[in-house]
Amino acid sequence: MKANGSPGLDSFWKRYSVALKSRERKLQLATVLKCTRERKLQLATVLKCTRERKLQLATVAWPGRLTAPFVR
């Protein structure tokens, strides 16, 4: 038994600190996954804009080759 408390209390604080570290690690991983997902969404948006731009350019280059909904 240590001077500051019982051995049971010491083991509780060890378990508690391990649980906190585990939770912090999970939060860090969740943050990384969220950032990755946001980056993928940004890339998807860029690709969508690029695809739309290519459609616009194709419409300008070859009017009449694409169907009416794509013509602006």
Protein backbone atom coordinates (compact mmCIF):
# COMPACT_ATOMS: atom_id res chain seq x y z
CA MET A 1 0.00 0.00 0.00
CA LYS A 2 1.31 3.41 -0.97
CA ALA A 3 1.30 6.48 1.22
CA ASN A 4 -1.31 8.31 -0.88
CA GLY A 5 -4.00 5.60 -0.87
CA SER A 6 -4.95 1.99 -1.24
CA PRO A 7 -3.61 -0.35 -3.94
CA GLY A 8 -7.16 -0.66 -5.31
CA LEU A 9 -7.32 3.08 -5.86
CA ASP A 10 -3.95 3.08 -7.61
CA SER A 11 -5.05 0.34 -10.00
CA PHE A 12 -8.29 2.27 -10.67
CA TRP A 13 -6.31 5.36 -11.71
CA LYS A 14 -4.04 3.27 -13.92
CA ARG A 15 -7.07 1.74 -15.68
CA TYR A 16 -8.68 5.18 -15.90
CA SER A 17 -5.60 6.74 -17.49
CA VAL A 18 -5.32 3.85 -19.98
CA ALA A 19 -9.01 4.31 -20.87
CA LEU A 20 -8.47 8.05 -21.37
CA LYS A 21 -5.47 7.45 -23.62
CA SER A 22 -7.48 4.92 -25.62
CA ARG A 23 -10.36 7.38 -25.97
CA GLU A 24 -7.99 10.15 -27.09
CA ARG A 25 -6.50 7.79 -29.66
CA LYS A 26 -9.98 6.93 -30.96
CA LEU A 27 -10.83 10.63 -31.20
CA GLN A 28 -7.62 11.29 -33.13
CA LEU A 29 -8.44 8.46 -35.52
CA ALA A 30 -11.99 9.76 -35.93
CA THR A 31 -10.60 13.22 -36.72
CA VAL A 32 -8.21 11.77 -39.30
CA LEU A 33 -11.05 9.80 -40.91
CA LYS A 34 -13.27 12.89 -40.93
CA CYS A 35 -10.52 14.94 -42.58
CA THR A 36 -9.95 12.17 -45.13
CA ARG A 37 -13.68 12.02 -45.87
CA GLU A 38 -13.79 15.84 -46.27
CA ARG A 39 -10.77 15.70 -48.57
CA LYS A 40 -12.49 13.03 -50.66
CA LEU A 41 -15.61 15.19 -50.84
CA GLN A 42 -13.51 18.16 -51.95
CA LEU A 43 -11.84 16.02 -54.61
CA ALA A 44 -15.22 14.70 -55.75
CA THR A 45 -16.47 18.29 -56.02
CA VAL A 46 -13.40 19.28 -58.04
CA LEU A 47 -13.88 16.27 -60.33
CA LYS A 48 -17.56 17.08 -60.74
CA CYS A 49 -16.74 20.69 -61.64
CA THR A 50 -14.06 19.50 -64.05
CA ARG A 51 -16.53 17.09 -65.67
CA GLU A 52 -19.15 19.84 -65.97
CA ARG A 53 -16.53 22.18 -67.46
CA LYS A 54 -15.56 19.52 -70.01
CA LEU A 55 -19.22 19.10 -70.93
CA GLN A 56 -19.54 22.86 -71.41
CA LEU A 57 -16.39 22.92 -73.53
CA ALA A 58 -17.65 19.96 -75.56
CA THR A 59 -20.94 21.77 -76.10
CA VAL A 60 -19.10 24.88 -77.30
CA ALA A 61 -16.74 22.86 -79.53
CA TRP A 62 -19.44 20.65 -81.06
CA PRO A 63 -22.84 22.28 -80.76
CA GLY A 64 -25.63 19.85 -81.50
CA ARG A 65 -23.62 16.71 -80.67
CA LEU A 66 -24.86 16.61 -77.09
CA THR A 67 -28.49 16.39 -76.08
CA ALA A 68 -30.45 19.50 -75.21
CA PRO A 69 -30.25 19.29 -71.37
CA PHE A 70 -26.46 19.71 -71.52
CA VAL A 71 -26.58 22.82 -73.68
CA ARG A 72 -26.45 26.03 -71.68
